[in-house]
């Protein structure tokens, strides 16, 4: 949770099989190609 804000797009991990993401209140969801 540090830093508490990041003001530029930053990669989440290194996987390359994501197809969909959904941002909620203080949580996130994402779906992979599988």
ModelCIF file with pLDDT and N, C-alpha, C, O atoms, coordinates in Angstrom:
data_MODEL
#
_entry.id   MODEL 
#
_entity.id                         1 
_entity.type                       polymer 
_entity.pdbx_number_of_molecules   1 
#
_entity_poly.entity_id                      1 
_entity_poly.type                           'polypeptide(L)' 
_entity_poly.nstd_linkage                   no 
_entity_poly.nstd_monomer                   no 
_entity_poly.pdbx_seq_one_letter_code       
;(UNK)(UNK)(UNK)(UNK)(UNK)(UNK)(UNK)(UNK)(UNK)(UNK)(UNK)(UNK)(UNK)(UNK)(UNK)(UNK)
(UNK)(UNK)(UNK)(UNK)(UNK)(UNK)(UNK)(UNK)(UNK)(UNK)(UNK)(UNK)(UNK)(UNK)(UNK)(UNK)
(UNK)(UNK)
;
_entity_poly.pdbx_seq_one_letter_code_can   XXXXXXXXXXXXXXXXXXXXXXXXXXXXXXXXXX 
_entity_poly.pdbx_strand_id                 A 
#
loop_
_entity_poly_seq.entity_id 
_entity_poly_seq.num 
_entity_poly_seq.mon_id 
_entity_poly_seq.hetero 
1 1  UNK n 
1 2  UNK n 
1 3  UNK n 
1 4  UNK n 
1 5  UNK n 
1 6  UNK n 
1 7  UNK n 
1 8  UNK n 
1 9  UNK n 
1 10 UNK n 
1 11 UNK n 
1 12 UNK n 
1 13 UNK n 
1 14 UNK n 
1 15 UNK n 
1 16 UNK n 
1 17 UNK n 
1 18 UNK n 
1 19 UNK n 
1 20 UNK n 
1 21 UNK n 
1 22 UNK n 
1 23 UNK n 
1 24 UNK n 
1 25 UNK n 
1 26 UNK n 
1 27 UNK n 
1 28 UNK n 
1 29 UNK n 
1 30 UNK n 
1 31 UNK n 
1 32 UNK n 
1 33 UNK n 
1 34 UNK n 
#
_struct_asym.id          A 
_struct_asym.entity_id   1 
#
loop_
_ma_qa_metric.id 
_ma_qa_metric.mode 
_ma_qa_metric.name 
_ma_qa_metric.software_group_id 
_ma_qa_metric.type 
1 global pLDDT . pLDDT 
2 local  pLDDT . pLDDT 
#
_ma_qa_metric_global.metric_id      1 
_ma_qa_metric_global.metric_value   97.91 
_ma_qa_metric_global.model_id       1 
_ma_qa_metric_global.ordinal_id     1 
#
loop_
_ma_qa_metric_local.label_asym_id 
_ma_qa_metric_local.label_comp_id 
_ma_qa_metric_local.label_seq_id 
_ma_qa_metric_local.metric_id 
_ma_qa_metric_local.metric_value 
_ma_qa_metric_local.model_id 
_ma_qa_metric_local.ordinal_id 
A UNK 1  2 97.00 1 1  
A UNK 2  2 97.00 1 2  
A UNK 3  2 97.00 1 3  
A UNK 4  2 97.00 1 4  
A UNK 5  2 98.00 1 5  
A UNK 6  2 98.00 1 6  
A UNK 7  2 98.00 1 7  
A UNK 8  2 98.00 1 8  
A UNK 9  2 98.00 1 9  
A UNK 10 2 98.00 1 10 
A UNK 11 2 98.00 1 11 
A UNK 12 2 98.00 1 12 
A UNK 13 2 98.00 1 13 
A UNK 14 2 98.00 1 14 
A UNK 15 2 98.00 1 15 
A UNK 16 2 98.00 1 16 
A UNK 17 2 98.00 1 17 
A UNK 18 2 99.00 1 18 
A UNK 19 2 98.00 1 19 
A UNK 20 2 98.00 1 20 
A UNK 21 2 98.00 1 21 
A UNK 22 2 98.00 1 22 
A UNK 23 2 98.00 1 23 
A UNK 24 2 98.00 1 24 
A UNK 25 2 97.00 1 25 
A UNK 26 2 97.00 1 26 
A UNK 27 2 98.00 1 27 
A UNK 28 2 98.00 1 28 
A UNK 29 2 99.00 1 29 
A UNK 30 2 99.00 1 30 
A UNK 31 2 98.00 1 31 
A UNK 32 2 98.00 1 32 
A UNK 33 2 98.00 1 33 
A UNK 34 2 98.00 1 34 
#
loop_
_atom_site.group_PDB 
_atom_site.id 
_atom_site.type_symbol 
_atom_site.label_atom_id 
_atom_site.label_alt_id 
_atom_site.label_comp_id 
_atom_site.label_asym_id 
_atom_site.label_entity_id 
_atom_site.label_seq_id 
_atom_site.pdbx_PDB_ins_code 
_atom_site.Cartn_x 
_atom_site.Cartn_y 
_atom_site.Cartn_z 
_atom_site.occupancy 
_atom_site.B_iso_or_equiv 
_atom_site.pdbx_formal_charge 
_atom_site.auth_seq_id 
_atom_site.auth_comp_id 
_atom_site.auth_asym_id 
_atom_site.auth_atom_id 
_atom_site.pdbx_PDB_model_num 
ATOM 1   N N  . UNK A 1 1  ? 0.827   -1.201  0.000   1.00 97.00 ? 1  UNK A N  1 
ATOM 2   C CA . UNK A 1 1  ? 0.000   0.000   0.000   1.00 97.00 ? 1  UNK A CA 1 
ATOM 3   C C  . UNK A 1 1  ? 0.866   1.258   0.000   1.00 97.00 ? 1  UNK A C  1 
ATOM 4   O O  . UNK A 1 1  ? 0.362   2.372   0.142   1.00 97.00 ? 1  UNK A O  1 
ATOM 5   N N  . UNK A 1 2  ? 2.156   1.068   -0.159  1.00 97.00 ? 2  UNK A N  1 
ATOM 6   C CA . UNK A 1 2  ? 3.109   2.184   -0.251  1.00 97.00 ? 2  UNK A CA 1 
ATOM 7   C C  . UNK A 1 2  ? 3.745   2.187   -1.633  1.00 97.00 ? 2  UNK A C  1 
ATOM 8   O O  . UNK A 1 2  ? 4.284   1.165   -2.057  1.00 97.00 ? 2  UNK A O  1 
ATOM 9   N N  . UNK A 1 3  ? 3.698   3.317   -2.354  1.00 97.00 ? 3  UNK A N  1 
ATOM 10  C CA . UNK A 1 3  ? 3.053   4.579   -1.977  1.00 97.00 ? 3  UNK A CA 1 
ATOM 11  C C  . UNK A 1 3  ? 1.538   4.465   -2.013  1.00 97.00 ? 3  UNK A C  1 
ATOM 12  O O  . UNK A 1 3  ? 0.988   3.536   -2.604  1.00 97.00 ? 3  UNK A O  1 
ATOM 13  N N  . UNK A 1 4  ? 0.865   5.422   -1.372  1.00 97.00 ? 4  UNK A N  1 
ATOM 14  C CA . UNK A 1 4  ? -0.586  5.400   -1.304  1.00 97.00 ? 4  UNK A CA 1 
ATOM 15  C C  . UNK A 1 4  ? -1.247  5.889   -2.580  1.00 97.00 ? 4  UNK A C  1 
ATOM 16  O O  . UNK A 1 4  ? -2.458  5.737   -2.744  1.00 97.00 ? 4  UNK A O  1 
ATOM 17  N N  . UNK A 1 5  ? -0.482  6.469   -3.478  1.00 98.00 ? 5  UNK A N  1 
ATOM 18  C CA . UNK A 1 5  ? -1.010  6.855   -4.781  1.00 98.00 ? 5  UNK A CA 1 
ATOM 19  C C  . UNK A 1 5  ? 0.098   6.765   -5.812  1.00 98.00 ? 5  UNK A C  1 
ATOM 20  O O  . UNK A 1 5  ? 1.257   7.059   -5.518  1.00 98.00 ? 5  UNK A O  1 
ATOM 21  N N  . UNK A 1 6  ? -0.260  6.357   -7.020  1.00 98.00 ? 6  UNK A N  1 
ATOM 22  C CA . UNK A 1 6  ? 0.671   6.276   -8.137  1.00 98.00 ? 6  UNK A CA 1 
ATOM 23  C C  . UNK A 1 6  ? 0.021   6.997   -9.308  1.00 98.00 ? 6  UNK A C  1 
ATOM 24  O O  . UNK A 1 6  ? -1.056  6.612   -9.763  1.00 98.00 ? 6  UNK A O  1 
ATOM 25  N N  . UNK A 1 7  ? 0.675   8.039   -9.790  1.00 98.00 ? 7  UNK A N  1 
ATOM 26  C CA . UNK A 1 7  ? 0.030   8.962   -10.726 1.00 98.00 ? 7  UNK A CA 1 
ATOM 27  C C  . UNK A 1 7  ? 0.302   8.673   -12.191 1.00 98.00 ? 7  UNK A C  1 
ATOM 28  O O  . UNK A 1 7  ? -0.075  9.475   -13.047 1.00 98.00 ? 7  UNK A O  1 
ATOM 29  N N  . UNK A 1 8  ? 0.944   7.555   -12.511 1.00 98.00 ? 8  UNK A N  1 
ATOM 30  C CA . UNK A 1 8  ? 1.151   7.163   -13.904 1.00 98.00 ? 8  UNK A CA 1 
ATOM 31  C C  . UNK A 1 8  ? 0.843   5.672   -14.053 1.00 98.00 ? 8  UNK A C  1 
ATOM 32  O O  . UNK A 1 8  ? 1.003   4.926   -13.087 1.00 98.00 ? 8  UNK A O  1 
ATOM 33  N N  . UNK A 1 9  ? 0.407   5.215   -15.228 1.00 98.00 ? 9  UNK A N  1 
ATOM 34  C CA . UNK A 1 9  ? 0.145   3.791   -15.424 1.00 98.00 ? 9  UNK A CA 1 
ATOM 35  C C  . UNK A 1 9  ? 1.363   2.949   -15.069 1.00 98.00 ? 9  UNK A C  1 
ATOM 36  O O  . UNK A 1 9  ? 2.470   3.192   -15.551 1.00 98.00 ? 9  UNK A O  1 
ATOM 37  N N  . UNK A 1 10 ? 1.135   1.944   -14.208 1.00 98.00 ? 10 UNK A N  1 
ATOM 38  C CA . UNK A 1 10 ? 2.198   1.078   -13.712 1.00 98.00 ? 10 UNK A CA 1 
ATOM 39  C C  . UNK A 1 10 ? 1.782   -0.368  -13.906 1.00 98.00 ? 10 UNK A C  1 
ATOM 40  O O  . UNK A 1 10 ? 0.667   -0.744  -13.544 1.00 98.00 ? 10 UNK A O  1 
ATOM 41  N N  . UNK A 1 11 ? 2.650   -1.174  -14.466 1.00 98.00 ? 11 UNK A N  1 
ATOM 42  C CA . UNK A 1 11 ? 2.279   -2.556  -14.777 1.00 98.00 ? 11 UNK A CA 1 
ATOM 43  C C  . UNK A 1 11 ? 2.034   -3.360  -13.509 1.00 98.00 ? 11 UNK A C  1 
ATOM 44  O O  . UNK A 1 11 ? 2.756   -3.226  -12.521 1.00 98.00 ? 11 UNK A O  1 
ATOM 45  N N  . UNK A 1 12 ? 1.004   -4.196  -13.553 1.00 98.00 ? 12 UNK A N  1 
ATOM 46  C CA . UNK A 1 12 ? 0.680   -5.108  -12.465 1.00 98.00 ? 12 UNK A CA 1 
ATOM 47  C C  . UNK A 1 12 ? 1.290   -6.461  -12.785 1.00 98.00 ? 12 UNK A C  1 
ATOM 48  O O  . UNK A 1 12 ? 0.801   -7.172  -13.663 1.00 98.00 ? 12 UNK A O  1 
ATOM 49  N N  . UNK A 1 13 ? 2.353   -6.822  -12.079 1.00 98.00 ? 13 UNK A N  1 
ATOM 50  C CA . UNK A 1 13 ? 3.015   -8.090  -12.354 1.00 98.00 ? 13 UNK A CA 1 
ATOM 51  C C  . UNK A 1 13 ? 3.607   -8.148  -13.745 1.00 98.00 ? 13 UNK A C  1 
ATOM 52  O O  . UNK A 1 13 ? 3.867   -7.121  -14.371 1.00 98.00 ? 13 UNK A O  1 
ATOM 53  N N  . UNK A 1 14 ? 3.818   -9.372  -14.221 1.00 98.00 ? 14 UNK A N  1 
ATOM 54  C CA . UNK A 1 14 ? 4.458   -9.548  -15.521 1.00 98.00 ? 14 UNK A CA 1 
ATOM 55  C C  . UNK A 1 14 ? 3.652   -10.427 -16.478 1.00 98.00 ? 14 UNK A C  1 
ATOM 56  O O  . UNK A 1 14 ? 4.114   -10.724 -17.580 1.00 98.00 ? 14 UNK A O  1 
ATOM 57  N N  . UNK A 1 15 ? 2.461   -10.842 -16.071 1.00 98.00 ? 15 UNK A N  1 
ATOM 58  C CA . UNK A 1 15 ? 1.655   -11.711 -16.925 1.00 98.00 ? 15 UNK A CA 1 
ATOM 59  C C  . UNK A 1 15 ? 1.218   -10.970 -18.192 1.00 98.00 ? 15 UNK A C  1 
ATOM 60  O O  . UNK A 1 15 ? 1.032   -9.754  -18.188 1.00 98.00 ? 15 UNK A O  1 
ATOM 61  N N  . UNK A 1 16 ? 1.063   -11.723 -19.255 1.00 98.00 ? 16 UNK A N  1 
ATOM 62  C CA . UNK A 1 16 ? 0.681   -11.140 -20.549 1.00 98.00 ? 16 UNK A CA 1 
ATOM 63  C C  . UNK A 1 16 ? -0.576  -11.811 -21.109 1.00 98.00 ? 16 UNK A C  1 
ATOM 64  O O  . UNK A 1 16 ? -0.759  -11.898 -22.324 1.00 98.00 ? 16 UNK A O  1 
ATOM 65  N N  . UNK A 1 17 ? -1.439  -12.283 -20.202 1.00 98.00 ? 17 UNK A N  1 
ATOM 66  C CA . UNK A 1 17 ? -2.647  -12.981 -20.638 1.00 98.00 ? 17 UNK A CA 1 
ATOM 67  C C  . UNK A 1 17 ? -3.922  -12.388 -20.036 1.00 98.00 ? 17 UNK A C  1 
ATOM 68  O O  . UNK A 1 17 ? -4.919  -13.091 -19.873 1.00 98.00 ? 17 UNK A O  1 
ATOM 69  N N  . UNK A 1 18 ? -3.888  -11.096 -19.707 1.00 99.00 ? 18 UNK A N  1 
ATOM 70  C CA . UNK A 1 18 ? -5.078  -10.421 -19.206 1.00 99.00 ? 18 UNK A CA 1 
ATOM 71  C C  . UNK A 1 18 ? -5.949  -9.946  -20.377 1.00 99.00 ? 18 UNK A C  1 
ATOM 72  O O  . UNK A 1 18 ? -5.430  -9.518  -21.407 1.00 99.00 ? 18 UNK A O  1 
ATOM 73  N N  . UNK A 1 19 ? -7.285  -10.027 -20.210 1.00 98.00 ? 19 UNK A N  1 
ATOM 74  C CA . UNK A 1 19 ? -8.187  -9.579  -21.273 1.00 98.00 ? 19 UNK A CA 1 
ATOM 75  C C  . UNK A 1 19 ? -9.227  -8.561  -20.798 1.00 98.00 ? 19 UNK A C  1 
ATOM 76  O O  . UNK A 1 19 ? -9.821  -7.861  -21.618 1.00 98.00 ? 19 UNK A O  1 
ATOM 77  N N  . UNK A 1 20 ? -9.454  -8.472  -19.486 1.00 98.00 ? 20 UNK A N  1 
ATOM 78  C CA . UNK A 1 20 ? -10.485 -7.567  -18.979 1.00 98.00 ? 20 UNK A CA 1 
ATOM 79  C C  . UNK A 1 20 ? -10.162 -7.178  -17.553 1.00 98.00 ? 20 UNK A C  1 
ATOM 80  O O  . UNK A 1 20 ? -9.688  -8.003  -16.772 1.00 98.00 ? 20 UNK A O  1 
ATOM 81  N N  . UNK A 1 21 ? -10.416 -5.919  -17.205 1.00 98.00 ? 21 UNK A N  1 
ATOM 82  C CA . UNK A 1 21 ? -10.216 -5.438  -15.843 1.00 98.00 ? 21 UNK A CA 1 
ATOM 83  C C  . UNK A 1 21 ? -11.414 -4.623  -15.407 1.00 98.00 ? 21 UNK A C  1 
ATOM 84  O O  . UNK A 1 21 ? -12.079 -3.999  -16.233 1.00 98.00 ? 21 UNK A O  1 
ATOM 85  N N  . UNK A 1 22 ? -11.697 -4.625  -14.095 1.00 98.00 ? 22 UNK A N  1 
ATOM 86  C CA . UNK A 1 22 ? -12.807 -3.857  -13.540 1.00 98.00 ? 22 UNK A CA 1 
ATOM 87  C C  . UNK A 1 22 ? -12.361 -3.239  -12.223 1.00 98.00 ? 22 UNK A C  1 
ATOM 88  O O  . UNK A 1 22 ? -11.970 -3.954  -11.301 1.00 98.00 ? 22 UNK A O  1 
ATOM 89  N N  . UNK A 1 23 ? -12.417 -1.921  -12.131 1.00 98.00 ? 23 UNK A N  1 
ATOM 90  C CA . UNK A 1 23 ? -12.001 -1.186  -10.940 1.00 98.00 ? 23 UNK A CA 1 
ATOM 91  C C  . UNK A 1 23 ? -13.217 -0.847  -10.088 1.00 98.00 ? 23 UNK A C  1 
ATOM 92  O O  . UNK A 1 23 ? -14.185 -0.271  -10.586 1.00 98.00 ? 23 UNK A O  1 
ATOM 93  N N  . UNK A 1 24 ? -13.173 -1.201  -8.805  1.00 98.00 ? 24 UNK A N  1 
ATOM 94  C CA . UNK A 1 24 ? -14.270 -0.907  -7.896  1.00 98.00 ? 24 UNK A CA 1 
ATOM 95  C C  . UNK A 1 24 ? -13.943 0.253   -6.982  1.00 98.00 ? 24 UNK A C  1 
ATOM 96  O O  . UNK A 1 24 ? -13.194 1.158   -7.351  1.00 98.00 ? 24 UNK A O  1 
ATOM 97  N N  . UNK A 1 25 ? -14.514 0.221   -5.771  1.00 97.00 ? 25 UNK A N  1 
ATOM 98  C CA . UNK A 1 25 ? -14.253 1.282   -4.819  1.00 97.00 ? 25 UNK A CA 1 
ATOM 99  C C  . UNK A 1 25 ? -12.803 1.284   -4.383  1.00 97.00 ? 25 UNK A C  1 
ATOM 100 O O  . UNK A 1 25 ? -12.040 2.156   -4.798  1.00 97.00 ? 25 UNK A O  1 
ATOM 101 N N  . UNK A 1 26 ? -12.405 0.337   -3.562  1.00 97.00 ? 26 UNK A N  1 
ATOM 102 C CA . UNK A 1 26 ? -11.009 0.191   -3.161  1.00 97.00 ? 26 UNK A CA 1 
ATOM 103 C C  . UNK A 1 26 ? -10.492 -1.191  -3.472  1.00 97.00 ? 26 UNK A C  1 
ATOM 104 O O  . UNK A 1 26 ? -9.621  -1.710  -2.775  1.00 97.00 ? 26 UNK A O  1 
ATOM 105 N N  . UNK A 1 27 ? -11.038 -1.801  -4.540  1.00 98.00 ? 27 UNK A N  1 
ATOM 106 C CA . UNK A 1 27 ? -10.610 -3.142  -4.929  1.00 98.00 ? 27 UNK A CA 1 
ATOM 107 C C  . UNK A 1 27 ? -10.629 -3.258  -6.439  1.00 98.00 ? 27 UNK A C  1 
ATOM 108 O O  . UNK A 1 27 ? -11.160 -2.397  -7.141  1.00 98.00 ? 27 UNK A O  1 
ATOM 109 N N  . UNK A 1 28 ? -10.037 -4.346  -6.928  1.00 98.00 ? 28 UNK A N  1 
ATOM 110 C CA . UNK A 1 28 ? -9.892  -4.546  -8.371  1.00 98.00 ? 28 UNK A CA 1 
ATOM 111 C C  . UNK A 1 28 ? -10.186 -5.991  -8.741  1.00 98.00 ? 28 UNK A C  1 
ATOM 112 O O  . UNK A 1 28 ? -9.981  -6.911  -7.949  1.00 98.00 ? 28 UNK A O  1 
ATOM 113 N N  . UNK A 1 29 ? -10.670 -6.167  -9.958  1.00 99.00 ? 29 UNK A N  1 
ATOM 114 C CA . UNK A 1 29 ? -10.901 -7.486  -10.545 1.00 99.00 ? 29 UNK A CA 1 
ATOM 115 C C  . UNK A 1 29 ? -10.272 -7.514  -11.924 1.00 99.00 ? 29 UNK A C  1 
ATOM 116 O O  . UNK A 1 29 ? -10.170 -6.482  -12.588 1.00 99.00 ? 29 UNK A O  1 
ATOM 117 N N  . UNK A 1 30 ? -9.850  -8.692  -12.353 1.00 99.00 ? 30 UNK A N  1 
ATOM 118 C CA . UNK A 1 30 ? -9.365  -8.846  -13.718 1.00 99.00 ? 30 UNK A CA 1 
ATOM 119 C C  . UNK A 1 30 ? -9.570  -10.280 -14.170 1.00 99.00 ? 30 UNK A C  1 
ATOM 120 O O  . UNK A 1 30 ? -9.546  -11.214 -13.368 1.00 99.00 ? 30 UNK A O  1 
ATOM 121 N N  . UNK A 1 31 ? -9.771  -10.433 -15.472 1.00 98.00 ? 31 UNK A N  1 
ATOM 122 C CA . UNK A 1 31 ? -10.002 -11.755 -16.063 1.00 98.00 ? 31 UNK A CA 1 
ATOM 123 C C  . UNK A 1 31 ? -8.888  -12.064 -17.045 1.00 98.00 ? 31 UNK A C  1 
ATOM 124 O O  . UNK A 1 31 ? -8.447  -11.199 -17.802 1.00 98.00 ? 31 UNK A O  1 
ATOM 125 N N  . UNK A 1 32 ? -8.440  -13.317 -17.021 1.00 98.00 ? 32 UNK A N  1 
ATOM 126 C CA . UNK A 1 32 ? -7.393  -13.757 -17.943 1.00 98.00 ? 32 UNK A CA 1 
ATOM 127 C C  . UNK A 1 32 ? -8.003  -14.456 -19.145 1.00 98.00 ? 32 UNK A C  1 
ATOM 128 O O  . UNK A 1 32 ? -9.197  -14.754 -19.164 1.00 98.00 ? 32 UNK A O  1 
ATOM 129 N N  . UNK A 1 33 ? -7.178  -14.715 -20.144 1.00 98.00 ? 33 UNK A N  1 
ATOM 130 C CA . UNK A 1 33 ? -7.635  -15.324 -21.383 1.00 98.00 ? 33 UNK A CA 1 
ATOM 131 C C  . UNK A 1 33 ? -8.156  -16.736 -21.156 1.00 98.00 ? 33 UNK A C  1 
ATOM 132 O O  . UNK A 1 33 ? -8.935  -17.250 -21.958 1.00 98.00 ? 33 UNK A O  1 
ATOM 133 N N  . UNK A 1 34 ? -7.720  -17.374 -20.044 1.00 98.00 ? 34 UNK A N  1 
ATOM 134 C CA . UNK A 1 34 ? -8.213  -18.718 -19.725 1.00 98.00 ? 34 UNK A CA 1 
ATOM 135 C C  . UNK A 1 34 ? -9.527  -18.668 -18.946 1.00 98.00 ? 34 UNK A C  1 
ATOM 136 O O  . UNK A 1 34 ? -10.079 -19.711 -18.598 1.00 98.00 ? 34 UNK A O  1 
#
